[in-house]
Amino acid sequence: MRIDKFLKVSRVIKRRTVAADACDGGRIEINGKIAKPSKDVKVGDVVKVSFGNNAMTFEVLSIDEHQTKQSAETMYRLL
């Protein structure tokens, strides 16, 4: 699954266009490397999302195309 879509489905970022803009701006890293919006994310990858002074690092646990609001947090584990 593409990183921009994963961020939207897991509800880390609310909109896919915002997730794509964050990737283009160099604020998303996968396993320590800056990610483009089309970069595929796999189970076990470590993703870092940086916004301003805040940073969120998490490990991908599952990749599902559709998630409910309640089960979206089961897709990743905060580090």
C-alpha atoms as a PDB file:
ATOM      1  CA  MET A   1       0.000   0.000   0.000  1.00  0.00           C
ATOM      2  CA  ARG A   2       1.232   3.521  -0.759  1.00  0.00           C
ATOM      3  CA  ILE A   3       2.400   5.547   2.240  1.00  0.00           C
ATOM      4  CA  ASP A   4       0.002   8.419   1.544  1.00  0.00           C
ATOM      5  CA  LYS A   5      -2.943   6.026   1.474  1.00  0.00           C
ATOM      6  CA  PHE A   6      -1.730   4.187   4.596  1.00  0.00           C
ATOM      7  CA  LEU A   7      -1.508   7.443   6.558  1.00  0.00           C
ATOM      8  CA  LYS A   8      -5.075   8.298   5.540  1.00  0.00           C
ATOM      9  CA  VAL A   9      -6.586   4.834   6.177  1.00  0.00           C
ATOM     10  CA  SER A  10      -4.860   4.531   9.566  1.00  0.00           C
ATOM     11  CA  ARG A  11      -6.069   8.052  10.374  1.00  0.00           C
ATOM     12  CA  VAL A  12      -2.607   9.353  11.237  1.00  0.00           C
ATOM     13  CA  ILE A  13      -3.320  12.162   8.737  1.00  0.00           C
ATOM     14  CA  LYS A  14      -6.923  13.041   7.892  1.00  0.00           C
ATOM     15  CA  ARG A  15      -6.643  13.591   4.130  1.00  0.00           C
ATOM     16  CA  ARG A  16      -4.631  11.795   1.467  1.00  0.00           C
ATOM     17  CA  THR A  17      -3.671  15.054  -0.228  1.00  0.00           C
ATOM     18  CA  VAL A  18      -2.250  16.362   3.048  1.00  0.00           C
ATOM     19  CA  ALA A  19      -0.318  13.091   3.455  1.00  0.00           C
ATOM     20  CA  ALA A  20       1.050  13.437  -0.099  1.00  0.00           C
ATOM     21  CA  ASP A  21       2.069  17.045   0.580  1.00  0.00           C
ATOM     22  CA  ALA A  22       3.845  15.940   3.777  1.00  0.00           C
ATOM     23  CA  CYS A  23       5.779  13.328   1.774  1.00  0.00           C
ATOM     24  CA  ASP A  24       6.711  15.870  -0.887  1.00  0.00           C
ATOM     25  CA  GLY A  25       7.907  18.216   1.855  1.00  0.00           C
ATOM     26  CA  GLY A  26      10.262  15.586   3.295  1.00  0.00           C
ATOM     27  CA  ARG A  27       8.347  15.206   6.561  1.00  0.00           C
ATOM     28  CA  ILE A  28       7.691  11.456   6.215  1.00  0.00           C
ATOM     29  CA  GLU A  29      10.460   8.881   6.649  1.00  0.00           C
ATOM     30  CA  ILE A  30      10.263   5.113   6.196  1.00  0.00           C
ATOM     31  CA  ASN A  31      13.096   3.171   7.838  1.00  0.00           C
ATOM     32  CA  GLY A  32      15.196   6.343   8.065  1.00  0.00           C
ATOM     33  CA  LYS A  33      14.794   7.385   4.419  1.00  0.00           C
ATOM     34  CA  ILE A  34      12.639  10.249   3.164  1.00  0.00           C
ATOM     35  CA  ALA A  35       9.582   8.809   1.399  1.00  0.00           C
ATOM     36  CA  LYS A  36       7.750   9.904  -1.725  1.00  0.00           C
ATOM     37  CA  PRO A  37       3.923   9.589  -1.688  1.00  0.00           C
ATOM     38  CA  SER A  38       4.073   6.504  -3.935  1.00  0.00           C
ATOM     39  CA  LYS A  39       6.527   4.578  -1.707  1.00  0.00           C
ATOM     40  CA  ASP A  40       5.120   1.217  -0.657  1.00  0.00           C
ATOM     41  CA  VAL A  41       4.882   0.520   3.059  1.00  0.00           C
ATOM     42  CA  LYS A  42       5.113  -3.029   4.415  1.00  0.00           C
ATOM     43  CA  VAL A  43       4.411  -4.699   7.747  1.00  0.00           C
ATOM     44  CA  GLY A  44       7.365  -4.096  10.059  1.00  0.00           C
ATOM     45  CA  ASP A  45       8.401  -0.751   8.542  1.00  0.00           C
ATOM     46  CA  VAL A  46       9.180   2.097  10.941  1.00  0.00           C
ATOM     47  CA  VAL A  47       7.565   5.372   9.892  1.00  0.00           C
ATOM     48  CA  LYS A  48       8.398   8.814  11.274  1.00  0.00           C
ATOM     49  CA  VAL A  49       5.984  11.703  10.728  1.00  0.00           C
ATOM     50  CA  SER A  50       7.301  15.200  11.547  1.00  0.00           C
ATOM     51  CA  PHE A  51       5.075  18.259  11.855  1.00  0.00           C
ATOM     52  CA  GLY A  52       6.655  21.405  13.267  1.00  0.00           C
ATOM     53  CA  ASN A  53       8.347  20.564  16.555  1.00  0.00           C
ATOM     54  CA  ASN A  54       6.375  17.331  16.964  1.00  0.00           C
ATOM     55  CA  ALA A  55       7.422  13.922  15.674  1.00  0.00           C
ATOM     56  CA  MET A  56       5.508  10.655  15.728  1.00  0.00           C
ATOM     57  CA  THR A  57       7.311   7.349  15.195  1.00  0.00           C
ATOM     58  CA  PHE A  58       5.426   4.100  14.752  1.00  0.00           C
ATOM     59  CA  GLU A  59       5.779   0.555  13.438  1.00  0.00           C
ATOM     60  CA  VAL A  60       3.364  -0.756  10.806  1.00  0.00           C
ATOM     61  CA  LEU A  61       1.480  -3.802  12.135  1.00  0.00           C
ATOM     62  CA  SER A  62      -1.078  -4.431   9.400  1.00  0.00           C
ATOM     63  CA  ILE A  63      -2.066  -3.147   5.994  1.00  0.00           C
ATOM     64  CA  ASP A  64      -5.791  -3.161   5.256  1.00  0.00           C
ATOM     65  CA  GLU A  65      -7.525  -1.215   2.510  1.00  0.00           C
ATOM     66  CA  HIS A  66     -10.562  -0.448   4.672  1.00  0.00           C
ATOM     67  CA  GLN A  67     -10.680   0.245   8.399  1.00  0.00           C
ATOM     68  CA  THR A  68     -13.332   1.514  10.735  1.00  0.00           C
ATOM     69  CA  LYS A  69     -12.599   4.502  12.920  1.00  0.00           C
ATOM     70  CA  GLN A  70     -12.346   2.290  16.005  1.00  0.00           C
ATOM     71  CA  SER A  71      -9.982  -0.292  14.481  1.00  0.00           C
ATOM     72  CA  ALA A  72      -7.672   2.136  12.637  1.00  0.00           C
ATOM     73  CA  GLU A  73      -5.271   2.342  15.604  1.00  0.00           C
ATOM     74  CA  THR A  74      -4.591  -1.404  15.339  1.00  0.00           C
ATOM     75  CA  MET A  75      -2.703  -0.795  12.093  1.00  0.00           C
ATOM     76  CA  TYR A  76       0.333   0.656  13.885  1.00  0.00           C
ATOM     77  CA  ARG A  77       2.180   0.691  17.226  1.00  0.00           C
ATOM     78  CA  LEU A  78       3.736   3.869  18.602  1.00  0.00           C
ATOM     79  CA  LEU A  79       7.435   3.691  19.416  1.00  0.00           C
END
